[in-house]
Amino acid sequence: MWCPVGCSSWKSVFDNLRETSGQVLKLVALGQKASEDSPDKLPSLQATSCLIEGGFADNYREAELIVSITATYLMVNLLEYFSPIVSNVAGNRLALDFPVYSHKDQFECCAFRWPIKDDPQFHMFFEYAKSGSFDSEALYSRFSFIDHETGKLHVKNGAECFLINGLGLSNEMAAKYCDLVRSLDGYYVFWSEVPDEEEYRDLLGCIEVSDDFTRAINAVFGDQTTSLDSHSNPGKIGRPKLRDEIALAYSSMFPAGHVAQGLTWKTVALRLSASMGRTVTVATIRRGLRERDEQK
């Protein structure tokens, strides 16, 4: 598949995240057994088999879904912290806003928890999977404008509705994003620069929710040394600063909270967008407020 010189394609990055998810979840599922097995034996084990054996999944479909949820969660965080570019074969390159890269399940608003199957945030995925109406491919396909196999931009069914009801954009703004993507026929998602080893390890901190995960991640990638939110390169890590600004703007505009004024999240997003002069989504507002509260 075509890729600009010096860039990393959507497929290569997503494949890497899926491989990482499998490596980490395999060690988490094995637990103490991972440290007892010889190193040459571990690579032959599949994450799905380990998840079933460890009691985290009842069957292959559930195990594969656990790996896929983890990989998608990592991809959403990567898109947020390491903004990609879009490019076509003519060499035209553009940087676009987050709504273009959004996933309809808004993983950026979720906190990763383990076991995933017991997490209310993801419970319905497994219920749908039991009925045969949902699987990993269905999850990957829920990026609003990105073909999950090639990274090509296109307007998917329900994208505009999601921007309005999910992200809280105005009807006019949602229509503009859809028109923008339609105008970018032949454009694909790439990264001109992907995280280095230290930054990649930091990215994995978003799924480091227990000692088992810390041990598993460290076994594969080494200790975490820094935090994405405190990274010194503003060219790569811009959105945490944006969320801080949004949280401050929210507190200034709604000192007693928006619920006290009888306002919806969508109305809040519209007012903050107008005040800040840029598109502000409900997801970014809620995450900014959650991170602010966690720091108190």
Protein backbone atom coordinates (compact mmCIF):
# COMPACT_ATOMS: atom_id res chain seq x y z
CA MET A 1 0.00 0.00 0.00
CA TRP A 2 1.25 3.49 -0.91
CA CYS A 3 2.84 5.54 1.86
CA PRO A 4 4.69 8.89 1.66
CA VAL A 5 8.45 8.59 2.05
CA GLY A 6 9.45 8.90 5.71
CA CYS A 7 5.92 8.37 7.02
CA SER A 8 4.18 5.52 8.82
CA SER A 9 0.87 4.28 7.44
CA TRP A 10 -2.37 3.82 9.35
CA LYS A 11 -2.15 0.06 8.79
CA SER A 12 1.41 -0.30 10.05
CA VAL A 13 0.69 1.74 13.18
CA PHE A 14 -2.56 -0.08 13.95
CA ASP A 15 -0.94 -3.47 13.32
CA ASN A 16 1.80 -2.53 15.78
CA LEU A 17 -0.76 -1.54 18.41
CA ARG A 18 -2.60 -4.83 17.93
CA GLU A 19 0.66 -6.73 18.34
CA THR A 20 1.50 -4.72 21.46
CA SER A 21 -1.94 -5.38 22.92
CA GLY A 22 -1.52 -9.10 22.37
CA GLN A 23 1.94 -9.14 23.97
CA VAL A 24 0.80 -7.27 27.06
CA LEU A 25 -2.50 -9.10 27.54
CA LYS A 26 -0.78 -12.46 27.13
CA LEU A 27 1.55 -11.69 30.04
CA VAL A 28 -1.28 -10.26 32.14
CA ALA A 29 -3.39 -13.36 31.56
CA LEU A 30 -0.50 -15.68 32.39
CA GLY A 31 0.28 -13.76 35.57
CA GLN A 32 2.78 -15.57 37.76
CA LYS A 33 3.07 -18.34 35.20
CA ALA A 34 4.75 -15.89 32.81
CA SER A 35 7.74 -15.54 35.12
CA GLU A 36 7.97 -19.33 35.54
CA ASP A 37 7.92 -20.19 31.84
CA SER A 38 11.14 -20.11 29.88
CA PRO A 39 11.50 -17.08 27.55
CA ASP A 40 11.63 -19.27 24.44
CA LYS A 41 8.20 -20.75 25.26
CA LEU A 42 6.25 -17.51 25.71
CA PRO A 43 6.38 -16.33 22.06
CA SER A 44 4.60 -19.52 20.94
CA LEU A 45 1.57 -18.74 23.09
CA GLN A 46 -1.34 -16.78 21.63
CA ALA A 47 -2.93 -13.96 23.64
CA THR A 48 -6.40 -15.30 22.88
CA SER A 49 -5.55 -18.75 24.27
CA CYS A 50 -3.99 -17.21 27.37
CA LEU A 51 -7.04 -15.02 27.99
CA ILE A 52 -9.34 -18.04 27.79
CA GLU A 53 -7.06 -20.16 29.98
CA GLY A 54 -6.82 -17.33 32.53
CA GLY A 55 -10.61 -17.04 32.78
CA PHE A 56 -10.78 -13.57 31.20
CA ALA A 57 -12.73 -14.81 28.16
CA ASP A 58 -15.15 -17.68 27.58
CA ASN A 59 -14.21 -18.31 23.97
CA TYR A 60 -12.05 -17.15 21.07
CA ARG A 61 -14.54 -14.47 19.95
CA GLU A 62 -14.49 -12.84 23.39
CA ALA A 63 -10.71 -13.13 23.68
CA GLU A 64 -10.19 -11.55 20.28
CA LEU A 65 -12.60 -8.75 21.22
CA ILE A 66 -10.58 -8.03 24.39
CA VAL A 67 -7.42 -7.64 22.32
CA SER A 68 -9.28 -5.47 19.81
CA ILE A 69 -10.75 -3.18 22.47
CA THR A 70 -7.29 -2.71 23.95
CA ALA A 71 -5.74 -1.96 20.54
CA THR A 72 -8.51 0.49 19.66
CA TYR A 73 -8.16 2.19 23.04
CA LEU A 74 -4.44 2.64 22.36
CA MET A 75 -5.11 3.94 18.84
CA VAL A 76 -7.60 6.55 20.10
CA ASN A 77 -5.04 7.74 22.64
CA LEU A 78 -2.32 7.78 20.00
CA LEU A 79 -4.52 9.89 17.72
CA GLU A 80 -5.09 12.31 20.60
CA TYR A 81 -1.47 12.66 21.71
CA PHE A 82 0.39 12.17 18.42
CA SER A 83 -1.70 13.90 15.78
CA PRO A 84 -1.39 12.35 12.31
CA ILE A 85 -1.48 14.05 8.93
CA VAL A 86 -3.50 13.26 5.83
CA SER A 87 -1.91 13.10 2.42
CA ASN A 88 -2.64 12.08 -1.16
CA VAL A 89 -0.43 10.71 -3.94
CA ALA A 90 0.11 14.23 -5.26
CA GLY A 91 2.04 15.01 -2.09
CA ASN A 92 -0.48 17.38 -0.56
CA ARG A 93 -0.43 17.19 3.24
CA LEU A 94 -2.87 18.55 5.80
CA ALA A 95 -3.28 18.51 9.58
CA LEU A 96 -6.92 18.10 10.61
CA ASP A 97 -8.87 18.50 13.85
CA PHE A 98 -9.69 15.63 16.18
CA PRO A 99 -13.34 15.10 15.06
CA VAL A 100 -12.04 13.74 11.76
CA TYR A 101 -10.14 11.04 13.66
CA SER A 102 -12.90 10.29 16.19
CA HIS A 103 -14.22 6.85 17.09
CA LYS A 104 -17.95 6.49 17.65
CA ASP A 105 -17.49 4.76 21.00
CA GLN A 106 -15.50 7.74 22.32
CA PHE A 107 -12.76 5.73 23.97
CA GLU A 108 -11.05 9.03 24.79
CA CYS A 109 -13.74 9.48 27.46
CA CYS A 110 -13.26 6.00 28.91
CA ALA A 111 -10.90 4.90 31.65
CA PHE A 112 -9.26 1.56 30.87
CA ARG A 113 -10.16 -1.08 33.45
CA TRP A 114 -9.48 -4.76 33.96
CA PRO A 115 -11.00 -7.23 33.41
CA ILE A 116 -12.48 -5.57 30.33
CA LYS A 117 -15.37 -8.01 30.12
CA ASP A 118 -16.61 -6.94 33.57
CA ASP A 119 -16.37 -3.23 32.76
CA PRO A 120 -19.82 -1.59 32.26
CA GLN A 121 -18.27 0.70 29.63
CA PHE A 122 -17.68 -2.28 27.33
CA HIS A 123 -20.29 -4.75 28.58
CA MET A 124 -22.61 -4.34 25.58
CA PHE A 125 -19.82 -5.22 23.15
CA PHE A 126 -19.73 -8.70 24.64
CA GLU A 127 -23.52 -8.99 24.68
CA TYR A 128 -23.64 -8.12 20.97
CA ALA A 129 -20.77 -10.53 20.32
CA LYS A 130 -22.75 -13.36 21.94
CA SER A 131 -25.56 -12.75 19.48
CA GLY A 132 -23.12 -12.82 16.59
CA SER A 133 -23.85 -9.21 15.62
CA PHE A 134 -20.53 -7.70 16.73
CA ASP A 135 -16.85 -8.59 16.44
CA SER A 136 -13.41 -7.03 16.16
CA GLU A 137 -13.95 -5.87 12.59
CA ALA A 138 -17.14 -4.10 13.63
CA LEU A 139 -15.27 -2.32 16.41
CA TYR A 140 -12.43 -1.23 14.13
CA SER A 141 -14.91 0.06 11.54
CA ARG A 142 -16.45 2.55 13.99
CA PHE A 143 -13.96 5.33 13.28
CA SER A 144 -16.18 8.08 11.93
CA PHE A 145 -14.22 8.91 8.78
CA ILE A 146 -11.34 6.43 8.54
CA ASP A 147 -11.31 3.11 6.73
CA HIS A 148 -9.84 0.82 9.37
CA GLU A 149 -7.93 -1.32 6.87
CA THR A 150 -6.35 1.33 4.65
CA GLY A 151 -6.60 4.60 6.58
CA LYS A 152 -8.45 6.25 3.69
CA LEU A 153 -10.75 9.14 4.57
CA HIS A 154 -14.41 8.94 3.63
CA VAL A 155 -17.75 9.90 5.17
CA LYS A 156 -19.35 6.83 6.74
CA ASN A 157 -23.02 6.28 7.44
CA GLY A 158 -24.04 8.00 10.66
CA ALA A 159 -20.91 10.17 10.88
CA GLU A 160 -22.72 13.48 10.81
CA CYS A 161 -25.28 12.29 13.38
CA PHE A 162 -22.44 11.17 15.67
CA LEU A 163 -20.70 14.54 15.43
CA ILE A 164 -23.92 16.23 16.56
CA ASN A 165 -25.23 13.80 19.18
CA GLY A 166 -21.95 12.22 20.24
CA LEU A 167 -19.40 15.03 20.14
CA GLY A 168 -21.91 17.82 20.66
CA LEU A 169 -21.06 19.82 17.53
CA SER A 170 -23.60 22.15 16.01
CA ASN A 171 -25.48 20.99 12.92
CA GLU A 172 -23.57 23.54 10.86
CA MET A 173 -20.15 22.49 12.18
CA ALA A 174 -20.91 18.79 11.73
CA ALA A 175 -21.95 19.43 8.12
CA LYS A 176 -18.72 21.36 7.53
CA TYR A 177 -16.59 18.45 8.75
CA CYS A 178 -18.46 16.04 6.50
CA ASP A 179 -18.07 18.37 3.53
CA LEU A 180 -14.36 18.72 4.33
CA VAL A 181 -13.84 14.95 4.32
CA ARG A 182 -15.81 14.62 1.07
CA SER A 183 -13.46 17.16 -0.49
CA LEU A 184 -10.47 15.05 0.55
CA ASP A 185 -11.19 12.11 -1.71
CA GLY A 186 -8.01 10.09 -2.14
CA TYR A 187 -6.44 11.24 1.14
CA TYR A 188 -5.07 8.78 3.69
CA VAL A 189 -4.03 9.01 7.33
CA PHE A 190 -0.30 8.86 8.07
CA TRP A 191 2.16 9.83 10.77
CA SER A 192 5.16 11.90 9.74
CA GLU A 193 6.67 10.99 13.10
CA VAL A 194 5.65 8.17 15.41
CA PRO A 195 6.50 7.85 19.12
CA ASP A 196 10.05 6.84 19.92
CA GLU A 197 10.65 4.01 22.40
CA GLU A 198 10.32 6.22 25.47
CA GLU A 199 7.19 7.92 24.17
CA TYR A 200 5.66 4.59 23.16
CA ARG A 201 6.22 3.27 26.67
CA ASP A 202 4.56 6.41 28.01
CA LEU A 203 1.57 5.86 25.71
CA LEU A 204 1.11 2.41 27.25
CA GLY A 205 0.64 4.12 30.60
CA CYS A 206 -3.00 4.65 29.62
CA ILE A 207 -3.62 0.90 30.07
CA GLU A 208 -1.33 0.47 33.07
CA VAL A 209 -4.14 -0.08 35.57
CA SER A 210 -2.63 -2.69 37.91
CA ASP A 211 0.63 -4.24 39.01
CA ASP A 212 0.02 -7.07 36.55
CA PHE A 213 -0.10 -4.60 33.67
CA THR A 214 2.95 -2.73 34.94
CA ARG A 215 4.95 -5.97 35.10
CA ALA A 216 3.73 -7.07 31.67
CA ILE A 217 4.49 -3.74 29.99
CA ASN A 218 7.86 -3.42 31.69
CA ALA A 219 8.77 -6.95 30.63
CA VAL A 220 8.27 -6.01 26.99
CA PHE A 221 9.04 -2.29 26.84
CA GLY A 222 10.88 -1.32 30.01
CA ASP A 223 9.97 1.07 32.84
CA GLN A 224 7.90 4.19 32.26
CA THR A 225 10.10 7.24 32.69
CA THR A 226 7.92 10.22 31.83
CA SER A 227 4.29 11.20 31.44
CA LEU A 228 2.61 12.11 28.18
CA ASP A 229 0.86 14.98 29.90
CA SER A 230 4.18 16.47 30.99
CA HIS A 231 6.04 15.92 27.73
CA SER A 232 8.21 18.85 26.75
CA ASN A 233 7.60 18.80 23.00
CA PRO A 234 4.50 20.91 22.27
CA GLY A 235 4.59 19.88 18.63
CA LYS A 236 3.73 16.32 19.57
CA ILE A 237 1.79 16.60 22.79
CA GLY A 238 -0.66 19.40 22.34
CA ARG A 239 -4.04 18.12 23.44
CA PRO A 240 -3.35 17.76 27.18
CA LYS A 241 -2.60 21.49 27.26
CA LEU A 242 -5.80 22.12 25.32
CA ARG A 243 -7.79 20.11 27.84
CA ASP A 244 -6.31 22.20 30.64
CA GLU A 245 -7.39 25.36 28.82
CA ILE A 246 -10.87 23.97 28.24
CA ALA A 247 -11.23 22.98 31.91
CA LEU A 248 -10.26 26.52 32.95
CA ALA A 249 -12.68 28.02 30.42
CA TYR A 250 -15.45 25.74 31.66
CA SER A 251 -14.84 26.71 35.30
CA SER A 252 -14.89 30.38 34.37
CA MET A 253 -18.07 30.12 32.32
CA PHE A 254 -19.90 27.69 34.63
CA PRO A 255 -18.50 28.19 38.18
CA ALA A 256 -21.35 26.16 39.70
CA GLY A 257 -21.42 23.65 36.84
CA HIS A 258 -23.63 23.64 33.78
CA VAL A 259 -26.24 21.33 35.33
CA ALA A 260 -27.13 24.08 37.81
CA GLN A 261 -28.08 26.23 34.82
CA GLY A 262 -30.12 23.46 33.23
CA LEU A 263 -27.74 23.14 30.26
CA THR A 264 -26.81 20.06 28.26
CA TRP A 265 -23.27 19.00 27.37
CA LYS A 266 -23.99 19.90 23.76
CA THR A 267 -24.90 23.47 24.75
CA VAL A 268 -21.74 23.68 26.85
CA ALA A 269 -19.64 22.55 23.88
CA LEU A 270 -21.24 25.14 21.61
CA ARG A 271 -20.69 27.97 24.10
CA LEU A 272 -17.08 27.03 24.79
CA SER A 273 -16.43 26.70 21.05
CA ALA A 274 -17.75 30.21 20.50
CA SER A 275 -15.80 31.58 23.46
CA MET A 276 -12.48 29.93 22.57
CA GLY A 277 -12.75 30.44 18.83
CA ARG A 278 -12.16 26.77 17.99
CA THR A 279 -14.08 23.51 17.87
CA VAL A 280 -14.49 22.03 21.36
CA THR A 281 -16.07 18.59 21.68
CA VAL A 282 -18.03 17.17 24.58
CA ALA A 283 -15.45 14.37 24.85
CA THR A 284 -12.56 16.79 25.30
CA ILE A 285 -14.48 18.85 27.87
CA ARG A 286 -15.39 15.82 29.96
CA ARG A 287 -11.89 14.39 29.84
CA GLY A 288 -10.37 17.75 30.75
CA LEU A 289 -12.67 18.07 33.75
CA ARG A 290 -12.00 14.50 34.84
CA GLU A 291 -8.23 15.02 34.70
CA ARG A 292 -8.59 18.30 36.61
CA ASP A 293 -10.58 16.56 39.34
CA GLU A 294 -8.05 13.69 39.53
CA GLN A 295 -5.26 16.20 40.18
CA LYS A 296 -7.04 17.78 43.15
